[in-house]
Protein backbone atom coordinates (compact mmCIF):
# COMPACT_ATOMS: atom_id res chain seq x y z
CA MET A 1 -24.65 4.06 8.04
CA TRP A 2 -21.63 6.41 7.26
CA GLY A 3 -20.53 4.16 4.16
CA TRP A 4 -23.39 4.63 2.12
CA ARG A 5 -21.43 5.22 -1.35
CA CYS A 6 -18.71 2.47 -0.49
CA ARG A 7 -17.25 0.52 2.61
CA VAL A 8 -13.91 -0.71 2.45
CA GLY A 9 -12.87 -3.55 4.46
CA LEU A 10 -9.20 -3.56 5.56
CA ILE A 11 -7.10 -6.42 7.27
CA TYR A 12 -4.24 -4.40 9.02
CA PRO A 13 -1.22 -6.72 10.01
CA ALA A 14 0.16 -4.66 12.75
CA VAL A 15 -1.17 -4.37 16.25
CA VAL A 16 -1.32 -0.49 15.89
CA ALA A 17 -2.64 1.30 12.84
CA GLU A 18 -2.29 4.88 12.53
CA THR A 19 -0.67 6.34 9.46
CA LEU A 20 -2.98 4.53 6.82
CA LEU A 21 -6.05 5.49 8.66
CA THR A 22 -5.03 9.26 8.61
CA ASP A 23 -4.31 8.99 4.76
CA PHE A 24 -7.43 7.15 4.02
CA PHE A 25 -9.77 9.52 5.94
CA ARG A 26 -7.73 12.67 4.31
CA ILE A 27 -8.45 11.44 0.80
CA ALA A 28 -11.85 9.56 0.85
CA PRO A 29 -14.72 11.44 -0.69
CA GLU A 30 -17.89 11.96 1.34
CA GLY A 31 -19.80 8.31 1.78
CA VAL A 32 -16.69 6.38 1.57
CA THR A 33 -15.48 4.71 4.85
CA LEU A 34 -13.37 2.09 6.37
CA ALA A 35 -13.93 -1.23 8.28
CA MET A 36 -10.81 -2.38 9.86
CA THR A 37 -9.61 -5.75 11.68
CA GLN A 38 -6.18 -6.43 12.63
CA LEU A 39 -3.65 -9.01 12.79
CA SER A 40 -1.03 -9.39 15.46
CA ILE A 41 2.48 -8.26 13.94
CA GLN A 42 4.77 -6.34 16.54
CA ILE A 43 7.91 -6.80 14.96
CA LEU A 44 9.26 -7.94 11.51
CA HIS A 45 10.30 -11.61 12.73
CA GLU A 46 9.45 -14.84 11.11
CA SER A 47 7.30 -15.83 14.11
CA ASP A 48 5.08 -12.78 14.18
CA ILE A 49 4.69 -12.78 10.33
CA SER A 50 3.66 -16.42 10.56
CA ARG A 51 1.28 -16.09 13.38
CA ALA A 52 -0.46 -13.29 11.48
CA ASN A 53 -0.47 -15.21 8.35
CA SER A 54 -2.64 -17.83 10.23
CA GLU A 55 -4.91 -15.23 11.25
CA ILE A 56 -6.18 -13.90 7.69
CA ASP A 57 -8.92 -16.31 7.32
CA ARG A 58 -10.63 -15.24 10.72
CA ALA A 59 -10.13 -11.63 9.56
CA VAL A 60 -11.67 -12.25 6.14
CA GLY A 61 -14.56 -13.80 7.91
CA TYR A 62 -15.10 -10.78 10.16
CA LEU A 63 -15.28 -8.18 7.18
CA ALA A 64 -17.47 -10.66 5.02
CA ALA A 65 -19.89 -10.77 8.01
CA ARG A 66 -20.03 -7.05 7.86
CA LYS A 67 -20.96 -7.13 4.12
CA VAL A 68 -18.28 -4.60 3.14
CA ASP A 69 -17.83 -3.77 -0.58
CA CYS A 70 -14.35 -4.80 -1.12
CA ILE A 71 -11.39 -6.18 0.99
CA VAL A 72 -7.95 -4.95 1.04
CA ALA A 73 -5.34 -7.20 2.86
CA ALA A 74 -2.53 -5.21 4.04
CA GLY A 75 0.63 -6.88 5.47
CA ALA A 76 3.30 -6.63 2.66
CA PRO A 77 5.89 -8.54 4.74
CA ILE A 78 3.41 -11.59 4.88
CA MET A 79 3.01 -11.58 1.11
CA ARG A 80 6.80 -11.21 0.48
CA ASP A 81 7.60 -14.09 2.69
CA LEU A 82 5.05 -16.35 0.97
CA GLY A 83 6.73 -15.58 -2.22
CA ILE A 84 5.79 -14.43 -5.82
CA GLY A 85 2.20 -15.24 -6.60
CA ALA A 86 1.06 -15.55 -2.89
CA ASP A 87 -1.09 -12.30 -3.13
CA ALA A 88 -2.87 -13.57 -6.17
CA ALA A 89 -3.56 -16.92 -4.46
CA LEU A 90 -4.83 -15.00 -1.64
CA ILE A 91 -7.21 -12.83 -3.74
CA GLU A 92 -8.53 -15.70 -5.52
CA LYS A 93 -9.35 -17.65 -2.39
CA VAL A 94 -11.16 -14.70 -0.80
CA ARG A 95 -13.12 -14.04 -3.80
CA SER A 96 -14.16 -17.45 -4.35
CA GLU A 97 -15.37 -17.82 -0.61
CA THR A 98 -16.80 -14.55 -0.13
CA GLY A 99 -17.60 -13.07 -3.60
CA ILE A 100 -16.09 -9.75 -2.30
CA PRO A 101 -13.74 -7.86 -4.51
CA THR A 102 -10.34 -8.14 -3.04
CA THR A 103 -6.86 -6.89 -3.47
CA THR A 104 -3.79 -6.70 -1.27
CA SER A 105 -1.17 -4.10 -0.31
CA GLN A 106 1.50 -5.76 -2.66
CA THR A 107 -0.94 -6.40 -5.48
CA ALA A 108 -2.08 -2.85 -5.30
CA ALA A 109 1.37 -1.50 -5.35
CA VAL A 110 2.37 -3.41 -8.36
CA GLN A 111 -0.92 -2.40 -10.21
CA ALA A 112 -0.46 1.18 -9.30
CA LEU A 113 3.20 1.20 -10.68
CA ARG A 114 1.92 -0.31 -13.84
CA GLN A 115 -1.05 2.32 -13.87
CA VAL A 116 1.61 5.14 -14.35
CA GLY A 117 3.74 3.24 -16.62
CA ALA A 118 6.71 2.43 -14.36
CA LYS A 119 9.26 -0.08 -15.40
CA ARG A 120 12.54 0.92 -13.53
CA VAL A 121 11.86 2.02 -9.81
CA ALA A 122 13.59 3.99 -6.91
CA VAL A 123 12.43 2.36 -3.66
CA ALA A 124 12.51 4.60 -0.62
CA SER A 125 11.78 2.45 2.41
CA PRO A 126 11.70 2.90 6.08
CA TYR A 127 13.16 -0.74 6.54
CA HIS A 128 16.33 -2.34 7.61
CA GLU A 129 18.22 -4.28 4.71
CA ASP A 130 16.69 -7.70 5.16
CA GLN A 131 13.44 -6.26 4.25
CA ASP A 132 14.76 -4.12 1.44
CA LEU A 133 16.12 -7.04 -0.38
CA LYS A 134 12.46 -8.85 0.15
CA VAL A 135 10.88 -5.75 -1.35
CA LYS A 136 13.55 -5.88 -4.29
CA ALA A 137 12.83 -9.54 -4.88
CA PHE A 138 9.14 -8.97 -4.98
CA LEU A 139 9.23 -6.12 -7.40
CA GLU A 140 11.66 -7.90 -9.61
CA GLY A 141 9.67 -10.79 -9.70
CA ASN A 142 6.81 -8.78 -10.85
CA GLY A 143 8.83 -7.44 -13.88
CA PHE A 144 10.30 -4.03 -12.59
CA GLU A 145 13.85 -3.21 -12.72
CA ILE A 146 15.13 -1.35 -9.51
CA SER A 147 17.45 1.61 -9.85
CA THR A 148 18.18 2.15 -6.38
CA ILE A 149 16.67 1.11 -2.85
CA SER A 150 17.46 2.99 0.42
CA GLY A 151 16.08 2.32 3.59
CA LEU A 152 16.01 4.30 6.84
CA LYS A 153 16.93 1.19 9.20
CA ARG A 154 13.98 1.74 11.38
CA ASP A 155 12.05 -0.94 13.40
CA VAL A 156 8.35 -1.42 13.09
CA ALA A 157 7.85 0.52 16.52
CA GLU A 158 9.86 3.47 15.34
CA ILE A 159 8.32 3.80 11.89
CA HIS A 160 5.64 5.95 13.28
CA ASP A 161 8.09 8.47 14.65
CA ILE A 162 9.69 9.35 11.35
CA SER A 163 8.69 12.93 10.66
CA LEU A 164 7.00 13.76 7.44
CA GLY A 165 9.85 16.12 6.19
CA GLU A 166 12.32 13.15 6.89
CA ALA A 167 10.09 10.91 4.76
CA TYR A 168 9.74 13.47 1.89
CA HIS A 169 13.48 14.09 1.70
CA HIS A 170 14.49 10.36 1.95
CA ALA A 171 12.41 9.63 -1.10
CA LYS A 172 13.62 12.68 -2.96
CA ARG A 173 17.33 11.80 -2.11
CA THR A 174 16.84 8.15 -3.16
CA PHE A 175 15.40 9.00 -6.42
CA PHE A 176 18.29 11.53 -7.16
CA SER A 177 20.90 9.06 -6.09
CA ASP A 178 20.20 7.43 -9.45
CA PRO A 179 17.55 9.31 -11.35
CA SER A 180 17.10 6.73 -14.23
CA ALA A 181 14.06 5.76 -12.52
CA ASP A 182 10.52 6.46 -14.01
CA ALA A 183 8.81 6.17 -10.51
CA ILE A 184 9.35 6.19 -6.82
CA TYR A 185 7.93 3.49 -4.83
CA VAL A 186 7.58 3.92 -0.86
CA PRO A 187 6.68 0.71 0.66
CA CYS A 188 5.08 0.09 4.28
CA GLY A 189 1.76 1.08 5.37
CA HIS A 190 3.17 2.63 8.66
CA PHE A 191 5.19 5.11 6.46
CA THR A 192 4.03 7.94 4.21
CA VAL A 193 5.21 10.79 2.27
CA PRO A 194 3.45 14.21 2.42
CA ASP A 195 2.59 16.44 -0.59
CA ILE A 196 2.98 13.71 -3.17
CA PRO A 197 2.32 16.21 -6.21
CA SER A 198 4.98 18.46 -5.21
CA LEU A 199 7.48 15.31 -4.81
CA GLU A 200 6.30 14.26 -8.39
CA ARG A 201 7.00 17.84 -9.71
CA GLU A 202 10.42 18.06 -8.08
CA THR A 203 11.48 14.55 -9.25
CA GLY A 204 9.49 14.41 -12.59
CA VAL A 205 8.09 10.99 -11.96
CA PRO A 206 5.16 9.48 -10.35
CA VAL A 207 5.24 8.61 -6.56
CA ILE A 208 3.55 5.57 -5.19
CA THR A 209 3.45 4.85 -1.60
CA SER A 210 2.09 1.83 0.10
CA THR A 211 -0.74 3.60 1.61
CA MET A 212 -1.71 5.33 -1.45
CA ALA A 213 -1.49 2.30 -3.56
CA MET A 214 -4.09 0.54 -1.17
CA ILE A 215 -6.44 3.44 -1.11
CA TRP A 216 -6.04 3.59 -5.03
CA GLY A 217 -6.70 -0.08 -5.28
CA ALA A 218 -9.73 -0.04 -2.96
CA PHE A 219 -11.35 2.85 -5.08
CA THR A 220 -10.61 1.04 -8.33
CA LEU A 221 -12.58 -2.13 -7.10
CA CYS A 222 -15.31 -0.03 -5.97
CA ASN A 223 -15.34 2.38 -8.86
CA VAL A 224 -15.15 5.48 -6.47
CA ARG A 225 -14.47 8.54 -8.49
CA ASP A 226 -14.07 12.14 -7.55
CA PRO A 227 -12.34 15.13 -9.31
CA GLU A 228 -10.50 15.96 -6.20
CA LEU A 229 -8.61 12.47 -6.00
CA VAL A 230 -5.84 13.69 -8.58
CA SER A 231 -4.54 16.19 -6.06
CA HIS A 232 -3.12 13.15 -4.17
CA GLY A 233 -0.96 12.03 -6.85
CA ARG A 234 -0.79 11.05 -10.63
CA VAL A 235 -1.98 7.41 -9.81
CA PHE A 236 -5.46 8.83 -8.95
CA SER A 237 -5.79 10.69 -12.46
CA GLN A 238 -8.23 8.01 -14.05
CA LEU A 239 -10.33 7.99 -10.90
CA SER A 240 -10.55 11.82 -10.97
CA LYS A 241 -12.58 11.42 -14.33
CA VAL A 242 -15.89 11.47 -13.25
CA GLN A 243 -17.91 8.98 -15.58
């Protein structure tokens, strides 16, 4: 079994996964692996999101049967559509039914932002305005101020085609459009930013991407520590201190 140190169970919302998997295995220390099951979101439409939500219980059952060490329920659009508190309710339900430590992509993002001391956040997304407004409402509902929010207006099927350079400069431009923010948040598990430490140096603030938040959340649940983790962003500083 490859995950002799930690096996992270992932519920991925979309029919195709790529970016999060690449980020996870680029960062994960030796002995940490991923067991993934998927839902059925193809487009960010109410019918797809509703159908995916109905599949979560089955996905949890699959991962519980594999005896993973923790569960990360990705699928921010599901949690945002269900409203503030839906992520906490899902976590409690999964924990009570399976006994497995659990988080969601939205929970991990909020906790990661709090970990780096964020209060006022610049949001650089790949989304259209309708999803940007939902991201804004979710963050504000969890106590953050939003300095600015900017989306690249891409559909789900197009997000994987965004180049790393475009993602990097989109995040940087978004921050400098109103540099009063004390953190940058980049939502969407299809979307990532390369070389986060460089972006943090150039802007002077921590950067939290959805993929990094989920990885940080899983490693926190399983107490995965490694001195090299800090090279992937400030949020990993505490996990880089080997006890």
